[in-house]
Amino acid sequence: NNLKPEDTAVYSCAAKIYGLGYYFAWGQGTQVTV
């Protein structure tokens, strides 16, 4: 909400196992332009 121009970026989601420090799976990303 209340998006700003500085929010413009490629947004990606990622997954990791609970208790571990790294994300092992990533999506391709979706472009957000404000």
Full PDB file with SEQRES, HELIX, SHEET, SSBOND, CRYST1, ORIGX, SCALE, CONECT and MASTER records, all heavy atoms in Angstrom:
SEQRES   1 A   34  ASN ASN LEU LYS PRO GLU ASP THR ALA VAL TYR SER CYS          
SEQRES   2 A   34  ALA ALA LYS ILE TYR GLY LEU GLY TYR TYR PHE ALA TRP          
SEQRES   3 A   34  GLY GLN GLY THR GLN VAL THR VAL                              
HELIX    1 AA1 PRO A    5  ASP A    7  5                                   3    
SHEET    1 AA1 2 ALA A   9  TYR A  11  0                                        
SHEET    2 AA1 2 THR A  30  VAL A  32 -1                                        
SHEET    1 AA2 2 ALA A  14  ALA A  15  0                                        
SHEET    2 AA2 2 ALA A  25  TRP A  26 -1                                        
CRYST1    1.000    1.000    1.000  90.00  90.00  90.00 P 1           1          
ORIGX1      1.000000  0.000000  0.000000        0.00000                         
ORIGX2      0.000000  1.000000  0.000000        0.00000                         
ORIGX3      0.000000  0.000000  1.000000        0.00000                         
SCALE1      1.000000  0.000000  0.000000        0.00000                         
SCALE2      0.000000  1.000000  0.000000        0.00000                         
SCALE3      0.000000  0.000000  1.000000        0.00000                         
ATOM      1  N   ASN A   1       0.830  -1.195   0.000  1.00  0.00           N  
ATOM      2  CA  ASN A   1       0.000   0.000   0.000  1.00  0.00           C  
ATOM      3  C   ASN A   1       0.866   1.247   0.000  1.00  0.00           C  
ATOM      4  O   ASN A   1       2.034   1.209   0.389  1.00  0.00           O  
ATOM      5  CB  ASN A   1      -0.916   0.012   1.221  1.00  0.00           C  
ATOM      6  CG  ASN A   1      -1.899  -1.128   1.245  1.00  0.00           C  
ATOM      7  OD1 ASN A   1      -2.382  -1.575   0.200  1.00  0.00           O  
ATOM      8  ND2 ASN A   1      -2.218  -1.614   2.441  1.00  0.00           N  
ATOM      9  N   ASN A   2       0.270   2.358  -0.410  1.00  0.00           N  
ATOM     10  CA  ASN A   2       0.968   3.635  -0.453  1.00  0.00           C  
ATOM     11  C   ASN A   2       2.324   3.498  -1.140  1.00  0.00           C  
ATOM     12  O   ASN A   2       3.363   3.907  -0.614  1.00  0.00           O  
ATOM     13  CB  ASN A   2       1.135   4.196   0.957  1.00  0.00           C  
ATOM     14  CG  ASN A   2       1.605   5.638   0.966  1.00  0.00           C  
ATOM     15  OD1 ASN A   2       1.396   6.379   0.008  1.00  0.00           O  
ATOM     16  ND2 ASN A   2       2.255   6.038   2.058  1.00  0.00           N  
ATOM     17  N   LEU A   3       2.307   2.937  -2.320  1.00  0.00           N  
ATOM     18  CA  LEU A   3       3.547   2.682  -3.044  1.00  0.00           C  
ATOM     19  C   LEU A   3       4.249   3.979  -3.423  1.00  0.00           C  
ATOM     20  O   LEU A   3       3.609   4.991  -3.713  1.00  0.00           O  
ATOM     21  CB  LEU A   3       3.265   1.854  -4.284  1.00  0.00           C  
ATOM     22  CG  LEU A   3       3.018   0.371  -4.004  1.00  0.00           C  
ATOM     23  CD1 LEU A   3       2.319  -0.292  -5.177  1.00  0.00           C  
ATOM     24  CD2 LEU A   3       4.345  -0.328  -3.701  1.00  0.00           C  
ATOM     25  N   LYS A   4       5.575   3.910  -3.423  1.00  0.00           N  
ATOM     26  CA  LYS A   4       6.426   5.037  -3.746  1.00  0.00           C  
ATOM     27  C   LYS A   4       7.321   4.685  -4.926  1.00  0.00           C  
ATOM     28  O   LYS A   4       7.602   3.503  -5.157  1.00  0.00           O  
ATOM     29  CB  LYS A   4       7.294   5.413  -2.540  1.00  0.00           C  
ATOM     30  CG  LYS A   4       6.508   5.717  -1.280  1.00  0.00           C  
ATOM     31  CD  LYS A   4       7.429   5.968  -0.096  1.00  0.00           C  
ATOM     32  CE  LYS A   4       6.639   6.269   1.159  1.00  0.00           C  
ATOM     33  NZ  LYS A   4       7.537   6.510   2.326  1.00  0.00           N  
ATOM     34  N   PRO A   5       7.790   5.677  -5.673  1.00  0.00           N  
ATOM     35  CA  PRO A   5       8.687   5.375  -6.797  1.00  0.00           C  
ATOM     36  C   PRO A   5       9.898   4.545  -6.392  1.00  0.00           C  
ATOM     37  O   PRO A   5      10.360   3.716  -7.183  1.00  0.00           O  
ATOM     38  CB  PRO A   5       9.091   6.761  -7.294  1.00  0.00           C  
ATOM     39  CG  PRO A   5       7.927   7.627  -6.960  1.00  0.00           C  
ATOM     40  CD  PRO A   5       7.433   7.109  -5.636  1.00  0.00           C  
ATOM     41  N   GLU A   6      10.416   4.741  -5.194  1.00  0.00           N  
ATOM     42  CA  GLU A   6      11.570   3.984  -4.741  1.00  0.00           C  
ATOM     43  C   GLU A   6      11.263   2.515  -4.466  1.00  0.00           C  
ATOM     44  O   GLU A   6      12.174   1.731  -4.198  1.00  0.00           O  
ATOM     45  CB  GLU A   6      12.202   4.624  -3.495  1.00  0.00           C  
ATOM     46  CG  GLU A   6      11.206   4.940  -2.395  1.00  0.00           C  
ATOM     47  CD  GLU A   6      10.743   6.384  -2.421  1.00  0.00           C  
ATOM     48  OE1 GLU A   6      10.446   6.901  -3.524  1.00  0.00           O  
ATOM     49  OE2 GLU A   6      10.680   7.015  -1.342  1.00  0.00           O  
ATOM     50  N   ASP A   7       9.990   2.130  -4.521  1.00  0.00           N  
ATOM     51  CA  ASP A   7       9.619   0.725  -4.409  1.00  0.00           C  
ATOM     52  C   ASP A   7       9.788  -0.022  -5.729  1.00  0.00           C  
ATOM     53  O   ASP A   7       9.637  -1.248  -5.760  1.00  0.00           O  
ATOM     54  CB  ASP A   7       8.170   0.585  -3.938  1.00  0.00           C  
ATOM     55  CG  ASP A   7       7.953   1.098  -2.526  1.00  0.00           C  
ATOM     56  OD1 ASP A   7       8.822   0.866  -1.663  1.00  0.00           O  
ATOM     57  OD2 ASP A   7       6.901   1.731  -2.285  1.00  0.00           O  
ATOM     58  N   THR A   8      10.069   0.693  -6.799  1.00  0.00           N  
ATOM     59  CA  THR A   8      10.238   0.067  -8.102  1.00  0.00           C  
ATOM     60  C   THR A   8      11.382  -0.944  -8.062  1.00  0.00           C  
ATOM     61  O   THR A   8      12.508  -0.611  -7.691  1.00  0.00           O  
ATOM     62  CB  THR A   8      10.508   1.121  -9.173  1.00  0.00           C  
ATOM     63  OG1 THR A   8       9.370   1.970  -9.308  1.00  0.00           O  
ATOM     64  CG2 THR A   8      10.800   0.473 -10.521  1.00  0.00           C  
ATOM     65  N   ALA A   9      11.094  -2.184  -8.448  1.00  0.00           N  
ATOM     66  CA  ALA A   9      12.081  -3.252  -8.391  1.00  0.00           C  
ATOM     67  C   ALA A   9      11.461  -4.530  -8.928  1.00  0.00           C  
ATOM     68  O   ALA A   9      10.251  -4.601  -9.166  1.00  0.00           O  
ATOM     69  CB  ALA A   9      12.560  -3.477  -6.953  1.00  0.00           C  
ATOM     70  N   VAL A  10      12.299  -5.536  -9.111  1.00  0.00           N  
ATOM     71  CA  VAL A  10      11.825  -6.885  -9.361  1.00  0.00           C  
ATOM     72  C   VAL A  10      11.659  -7.569  -8.012  1.00  0.00           C  
ATOM     73  O   VAL A  10      12.603  -7.639  -7.221  1.00  0.00           O  
ATOM     74  CB  VAL A  10      12.798  -7.678 -10.251  1.00  0.00           C  
ATOM     75  CG1 VAL A  10      12.340  -9.132 -10.378  1.00  0.00           C  
ATOM     76  CG2 VAL A  10      12.897  -7.042 -11.628  1.00  0.00           C  
ATOM     77  N   TYR A  11      10.470  -8.065  -7.759  1.00  0.00           N  
ATOM     78  CA  TYR A  11      10.163  -8.709  -6.489  1.00  0.00           C  
ATOM     79  C   TYR A  11      10.141 -10.222  -6.663  1.00  0.00           C  
ATOM     80  O   TYR A  11       9.498 -10.744  -7.578  1.00  0.00           O  
ATOM     81  CB  TYR A  11       8.810  -8.230  -5.959  1.00  0.00           C  
ATOM     82  CG  TYR A  11       8.845  -6.834  -5.396  1.00  0.00           C  
ATOM     83  CD1 TYR A  11       8.963  -5.732  -6.232  1.00  0.00           C  
ATOM     84  CD2 TYR A  11       8.771  -6.613  -4.022  1.00  0.00           C  
ATOM     85  CE1 TYR A  11       9.017  -4.447  -5.723  1.00  0.00           C  
ATOM     86  CE2 TYR A  11       8.814  -5.338  -3.496  1.00  0.00           C  
ATOM     87  CZ  TYR A  11       8.936  -4.251  -4.351  1.00  0.00           C  
ATOM     88  OH  TYR A  11       8.978  -2.976  -3.837  1.00  0.00           O  
ATOM     89  N   SER A  12      10.831 -10.925  -5.770  1.00  0.00           N  
ATOM     90  CA  SER A  12      10.918 -12.373  -5.824  1.00  0.00           C  
ATOM     91  C   SER A  12      10.547 -12.972  -4.482  1.00  0.00           C  
ATOM     92  O   SER A  12      10.819 -12.385  -3.436  1.00  0.00           O  
ATOM     93  CB  SER A  12      12.338 -12.822  -6.194  1.00  0.00           C  
ATOM     94  OG  SER A  12      12.750 -12.290  -7.435  1.00  0.00           O  
ATOM     95  N   CYS A  13       9.929 -14.129  -4.513  1.00  0.00           N  
ATOM     96  CA  CYS A  13       9.673 -14.864  -3.287  1.00  0.00           C  
ATOM     97  C   CYS A  13      10.686 -15.993  -3.155  1.00  0.00           C  
ATOM     98  O   CYS A  13      11.263 -16.452  -4.142  1.00  0.00           O  
ATOM     99  CB  CYS A  13       8.239 -15.406  -3.232  1.00  0.00           C  
ATOM    100  SG  CYS A  13       7.814 -16.585  -4.527  1.00  0.00           S  
ATOM    101  N   ALA A  14      10.899 -16.421  -1.923  1.00  0.00           N  
ATOM    102  CA  ALA A  14      11.884 -17.452  -1.656  1.00  0.00           C  
ATOM    103  C   ALA A  14      11.458 -18.269  -0.452  1.00  0.00           C  
ATOM    104  O   ALA A  14      10.686 -17.809   0.389  1.00  0.00           O  
ATOM    105  CB  ALA A  14      13.266 -16.831  -1.422  1.00  0.00           C  
ATOM    106  N   ALA A  15      11.989 -19.477  -0.375  1.00  0.00           N  
ATOM    107  CA  ALA A  15      11.641 -20.403   0.697  1.00  0.00           C  
ATOM    108  C   ALA A  15      12.894 -20.960   1.349  1.00  0.00           C  
ATOM    109  O   ALA A  15      13.925 -21.142   0.692  1.00  0.00           O  
ATOM    110  CB  ALA A  15      10.789 -21.552   0.155  1.00  0.00           C  
ATOM    111  N   LYS A  16      12.782 -21.228   2.643  1.00  0.00           N  
ATOM    112  CA  LYS A  16      13.867 -21.886   3.352  1.00  0.00           C  
ATOM    113  C   LYS A  16      13.305 -22.776   4.444  1.00  0.00           C  
ATOM    114  O   LYS A  16      12.166 -22.598   4.883  1.00  0.00           O  
ATOM    115  CB  LYS A  16      14.857 -20.873   3.940  1.00  0.00           C  
ATOM    116  CG  LYS A  16      14.338 -20.054   5.111  1.00  0.00           C  
ATOM    117  CD  LYS A  16      15.428 -19.117   5.618  1.00  0.00           C  
ATOM    118  CE  LYS A  16      14.967 -18.299   6.822  1.00  0.00           C  
ATOM    119  NZ  LYS A  16      14.868 -19.162   8.036  1.00  0.00           N  
ATOM    120  N   ILE A  17      14.103 -23.725   4.873  1.00  0.00           N  
ATOM    121  CA  ILE A  17      13.715 -24.605   5.964  1.00  0.00           C  
ATOM    122  C   ILE A  17      13.788 -23.841   7.271  1.00  0.00           C  
ATOM    123  O   ILE A  17      14.734 -23.091   7.523  1.00  0.00           O  
ATOM    124  CB  ILE A  17      14.629 -25.842   6.028  1.00  0.00           C  
ATOM    125  CG1 ILE A  17      14.566 -26.624   4.715  1.00  0.00           C  
ATOM    126  CG2 ILE A  17      14.252 -26.737   7.202  1.00  0.00           C  
ATOM    127  CD1 ILE A  17      13.208 -27.191   4.415  1.00  0.00           C  
ATOM    128  N   TYR A  18      12.770 -24.043   8.092  1.00  0.00           N  
ATOM    129  CA  TYR A  18      12.767 -23.398   9.394  1.00  0.00           C  
ATOM    130  C   TYR A  18      14.026 -23.755  10.165  1.00  0.00           C  
ATOM    131  O   TYR A  18      14.412 -24.918  10.251  1.00  0.00           O  
ATOM    132  CB  TYR A  18      11.528 -23.816  10.189  1.00  0.00           C  
ATOM    133  CG  TYR A  18      11.513 -23.300  11.604  1.00  0.00           C  
ATOM    134  CD1 TYR A  18      11.224 -21.969  11.871  1.00  0.00           C  
ATOM    135  CD2 TYR A  18      11.790 -24.147  12.677  1.00  0.00           C  
ATOM    136  CE1 TYR A  18      11.209 -21.485  13.170  1.00  0.00           C  
ATOM    137  CE2 TYR A  18      11.781 -23.672  13.976  1.00  0.00           C  
ATOM    138  CZ  TYR A  18      11.490 -22.334  14.220  1.00  0.00           C  
ATOM    139  OH  TYR A  18      11.477 -21.871  15.519  1.00  0.00           O  
ATOM    140  N   GLY A  19      14.673 -22.741  10.728  1.00  0.00           N  
ATOM    141  CA  GLY A  19      15.861 -22.952  11.524  1.00  0.00           C  
ATOM    142  C   GLY A  19      17.166 -22.887  10.763  1.00  0.00           C  
ATOM    143  O   GLY A  19      18.231 -22.895  11.387  1.00  0.00           O  
ATOM    144  N   LEU A  20      17.121 -22.823   9.434  1.00  0.00           N  
ATOM    145  CA  LEU A  20      18.314 -22.706   8.610  1.00  0.00           C  
ATOM    146  C   LEU A  20      18.458 -21.285   8.098  1.00  0.00           C  
ATOM    147  O   LEU A  20      17.474 -20.554   7.971  1.00  0.00           O  
ATOM    148  CB  LEU A  20      18.266 -23.687   7.439  1.00  0.00           C  
ATOM    149  CG  LEU A  20      18.220 -25.168   7.802  1.00  0.00           C  
ATOM    150  CD1 LEU A  20      18.207 -26.021   6.548  1.00  0.00           C  
ATOM    151  CD2 LEU A  20      19.399 -25.547   8.693  1.00  0.00           C  
ATOM    152  N   GLY A  21      19.702 -20.906   7.787  1.00  0.00           N  
ATOM    153  CA  GLY A  21      19.995 -19.524   7.495  1.00  0.00           C  
ATOM    154  C   GLY A  21      19.954 -19.090   6.043  1.00  0.00           C  
ATOM    155  O   GLY A  21      20.209 -17.919   5.766  1.00  0.00           O  
ATOM    156  N   TYR A  22      19.647 -19.978   5.118  1.00  0.00           N  
ATOM    157  CA  TYR A  22      19.650 -19.613   3.715  1.00  0.00           C  
ATOM    158  C   TYR A  22      18.368 -20.043   3.026  1.00  0.00           C  
ATOM    159  O   TYR A  22      17.720 -21.013   3.422  1.00  0.00           O  
ATOM    160  CB  TYR A  22      20.859 -20.215   2.995  1.00  0.00           C  
ATOM    161  CG  TYR A  22      20.832 -21.724   2.891  1.00  0.00           C  
ATOM    162  CD1 TYR A  22      20.307 -22.345   1.768  1.00  0.00           C  
ATOM    163  CD2 TYR A  22      21.345 -22.515   3.905  1.00  0.00           C  
ATOM    164  CE1 TYR A  22      20.278 -23.719   1.661  1.00  0.00           C  
ATOM    165  CE2 TYR A  22      21.319 -23.895   3.805  1.00  0.00           C  
ATOM    166  CZ  TYR A  22      20.782 -24.489   2.680  1.00  0.00           C  
ATOM    167  OH  TYR A  22      20.760 -25.859   2.582  1.00  0.00           O  
ATOM    168  N   TYR A  23      18.014 -19.298   1.978  1.00  0.00           N  
ATOM    169  CA  TYR A  23      16.861 -19.623   1.144  1.00  0.00           C  
ATOM    170  C   TYR A  23      17.315 -20.517  -0.003  1.00  0.00           C  
ATOM    171  O   TYR A  23      18.238 -20.169  -0.743  1.00  0.00           O  
ATOM    172  CB  TYR A  23      16.214 -18.350   0.612  1.00  0.00           C  
ATOM    173  CG  TYR A  23      15.478 -17.566   1.668  1.00  0.00           C  
ATOM    174  CD1 TYR A  23      16.146 -16.667   2.488  1.00  0.00           C  
ATOM    175  CD2 TYR A  23      14.111 -17.734   1.858  1.00  0.00           C  
ATOM    176  CE1 TYR A  23      15.471 -15.960   3.469  1.00  0.00           C  
ATOM    177  CE2 TYR A  23      13.429 -17.030   2.828  1.00  0.00           C  
ATOM    178  CZ  TYR A  23      14.112 -16.148   3.642  1.00  0.00           C  
ATOM    179  OH  TYR A  23      13.437 -15.437   4.614  1.00  0.00           O  
ATOM    180  N   PHE A  24      16.668 -21.652  -0.165  1.00  0.00           N  
ATOM    181  CA  PHE A  24      17.094 -22.655  -1.132  1.00  0.00           C  
ATOM    182  C   PHE A  24      16.268 -22.665  -2.407  1.00  0.00           C  
ATOM    183  O   PHE A  24      16.682 -23.282  -3.395  1.00  0.00           O  
ATOM    184  CB  PHE A  24      17.063 -24.052  -0.505  1.00  0.00           C  
ATOM    185  CG  PHE A  24      15.682 -24.543  -0.177  1.00  0.00           C  
ATOM    186  CD1 PHE A  24      14.944 -25.260  -1.101  1.00  0.00           C  
ATOM    187  CD2 PHE A  24      15.128 -24.298   1.067  1.00  0.00           C  
ATOM    188  CE1 PHE A  24      13.669 -25.723  -0.797  1.00  0.00           C  
ATOM    189  CE2 PHE A  24      13.855 -24.756   1.386  1.00  0.00           C  
ATOM    190  CZ  PHE A  24      13.127 -25.465   0.455  1.00  0.00           C  
ATOM    191  N   ALA A  25      15.106 -22.027  -2.418  1.00  0.00           N  
ATOM    192  CA  ALA A  25      14.245 -22.012  -3.591  1.00  0.00           C  
ATOM    193  C   ALA A  25      13.803 -20.590  -3.873  1.00  0.00           C  
ATOM    194  O   ALA A  25      13.434 -19.852  -2.953  1.00  0.00           O  
ATOM    195  CB  ALA A  25      13.028 -22.916  -3.389  1.00  0.00           C  
ATOM    196  N   TRP A  26      13.822 -20.231  -5.150  1.00  0.00           N  
ATOM    197  CA  TRP A  26      13.503 -18.871  -5.578  1.00  0.00           C  
ATOM    198  C   TRP A  26      12.561 -18.877  -6.769  1.00  0.00           C  
ATOM    199  O   TRP A  26      12.642 -19.761  -7.628  1.00  0.00           O  
ATOM    200  CB  TRP A  26      14.771 -18.103  -5.969  1.00  0.00           C  
ATOM    201  CG  TRP A  26      15.714 -17.872  -4.833  1.00  0.00           C  
ATOM    202  CD1 TRP A  26      16.612 -18.755  -4.310  1.00  0.00           C  
ATOM    203  CD2 TRP A  26      15.852 -16.664  -4.079  1.00  0.00           C  
ATOM    204  NE1 TRP A  26      17.298 -18.172  -3.270  1.00  0.00           N  
ATOM    205  CE2 TRP A  26      16.856 -16.899  -3.110  1.00  0.00           C  
ATOM    206  CE3 TRP A  26      15.228 -15.422  -4.128  1.00  0.00           C  
ATOM    207  CZ2 TRP A  26      17.240 -15.924  -2.195  1.00  0.00           C  
ATOM    208  CZ3 TRP A  26      15.609 -14.450  -3.224  1.00  0.00           C  
ATOM    209  CH2 TRP A  26      16.605 -14.698  -2.275  1.00  0.00           C  
ATOM    210  N   GLY A  27      11.694 -17.883  -6.826  1.00  0.00           N  
ATOM    211  CA  GLY A  27      10.876 -17.682  -8.003  1.00  0.00           C  
ATOM    212  C   GLY A  27      11.601 -16.850  -9.040  1.00  0.00           C  
ATOM    213  O   GLY A  27      12.707 -16.354  -8.816  1.00  0.00           O  
ATOM    214  N   GLN A  28      10.973 -16.683 -10.196  1.00  0.00           N  
ATOM    215  CA  GLN A  28      11.568 -15.928 -11.298  1.00  0.00           C  
ATOM    216  C   GLN A  28      11.496 -14.418 -11.088  1.00  0.00           C  
ATOM    217  O   GLN A  28      12.299 -13.681 -11.651  1.00  0.00           O  
ATOM    218  CB  GLN A  28      10.877 -16.286 -12.615  1.00  0.00           C  
ATOM    219  CG  GLN A  28      11.155 -17.702 -13.094  1.00  0.00           C  
ATOM    220  CD  GLN A  28      12.528 -17.838 -13.692  1.00  0.00           C  
ATOM    221  OE1 GLN A  28      12.836 -17.197 -14.708  1.00  0.00           O  
ATOM    222  NE2 GLN A  28      13.370 -18.661 -13.079  1.00  0.00           N  
ATOM    223  N   GLY A  29      10.549 -13.954 -10.303  1.00  0.00           N  
ATOM    224  CA  GLY A  29      10.405 -12.542 -10.033  1.00  0.00           C  
ATOM    225  C   GLY A  29       9.296 -11.901 -10.846  1.00  0.00           C  
ATOM    226  O   GLY A  29       8.950 -12.362 -11.929  1.00  0.00           O  
ATOM    227  N   THR A  30       8.751 -10.818 -10.315  1.00  0.00           N  
ATOM    228  CA  THR A  30       7.727 -10.040 -11.001  1.00  0.00           C  
ATOM    229  C   THR A  30       8.054  -8.558 -10.868  1.00  0.00           C  
ATOM    230  O   THR A  30       8.451  -8.092  -9.800  1.00  0.00           O  
ATOM    231  CB  THR A  30       6.321 -10.361 -10.443  1.00  0.00           C  
ATOM    232  OG1 THR A  30       5.327  -9.673 -11.202  1.00  0.00           O  
ATOM    233  CG2 THR A  30       6.202  -9.979  -8.972  1.00  0.00           C  
ATOM    234  N   GLN A  31       7.917  -7.833 -11.962  1.00  0.00           N  
ATOM    235  CA  GLN A  31       8.305  -6.425 -12.000  1.00  0.00           C  
ATOM    236  C   GLN A  31       7.224  -5.547 -11.393  1.00  0.00           C  
ATOM    237  O   GLN A  31       6.046  -5.649 -11.747  1.00  0.00           O  
ATOM    238  CB  GLN A  31       8.576  -5.982 -13.441  1.00  0.00           C  
ATOM    239  CG  GLN A  31       8.910  -4.495 -13.592  1.00  0.00           C  
ATOM    240  CD  GLN A  31      10.261  -4.142 -13.031  1.00  0.00           C  
ATOM    241  OE1 GLN A  31      11.250  -4.837 -13.299  1.00  0.00           O  
ATOM    242  NE2 GLN A  31      10.322  -3.063 -12.251  1.00  0.00           N  
ATOM    243  N   VAL A  32       7.636  -4.665 -10.493  1.00  0.00           N  
ATOM    244  CA  VAL A  32       6.765  -3.642  -9.928  1.00  0.00           C  
ATOM    245  C   VAL A  32       7.348  -2.287 -10.293  1.00  0.00           C  
ATOM    246  O   VAL A  32       8.509  -2.000  -9.981  1.00  0.00           O  
ATOM    247  CB  VAL A  32       6.642  -3.764  -8.402  1.00  0.00           C  
ATOM    248  CG1 VAL A  32       5.893  -2.567  -7.816  1.00  0.00           C  
ATOM    249  CG2 VAL A  32       5.940  -5.059  -8.033  1.00  0.00           C  
ATOM    250  N   THR A  33       6.558  -1.460 -10.961  1.00  0.00           N  
ATOM    251  CA  THR A  33       6.992  -0.134 -11.354  1.00  0.00           C  
ATOM    252  C   THR A  33       6.011   0.892 -10.808  1.00  0.00           C  
ATOM    253  O   THR A  33       4.810   0.809 -11.074  1.00  0.00           O  
ATOM    254  CB  THR A  33       7.079  -0.001 -12.881  1.00  0.00           C  
ATOM    255  OG1 THR A  33       7.973  -0.989 -13.404  1.00  0.00           O  
ATOM    256  CG2 THR A  33       7.577   1.383 -13.269  1.00  0.00           C  
ATOM    257  N   VAL A  34       6.528   1.854 -10.054  1.00  0.00           N  
ATOM    258  CA  VAL A  34       5.707   2.893  -9.441  1.00  0.00           C  
ATOM    259  C   VAL A  34       6.085   4.227 -10.063  1.00  0.00           C  
ATOM    260  O   VAL A  34       7.232   4.666  -9.960  1.00  0.00           O  
ATOM    261  CB  VAL A  34       5.897   2.941  -7.921  1.00  0.00           C  
ATOM    262  CG1 VAL A  34       4.950   3.971  -7.305  1.00  0.00           C  
ATOM    263  CG2 VAL A  34       5.659   1.565  -7.311  1.00  0.00           C  
TER     264      VAL A  34                                                      
MASTER        0    0    0    1    4    0    0    6  263    1    0    3          
END                                                                             
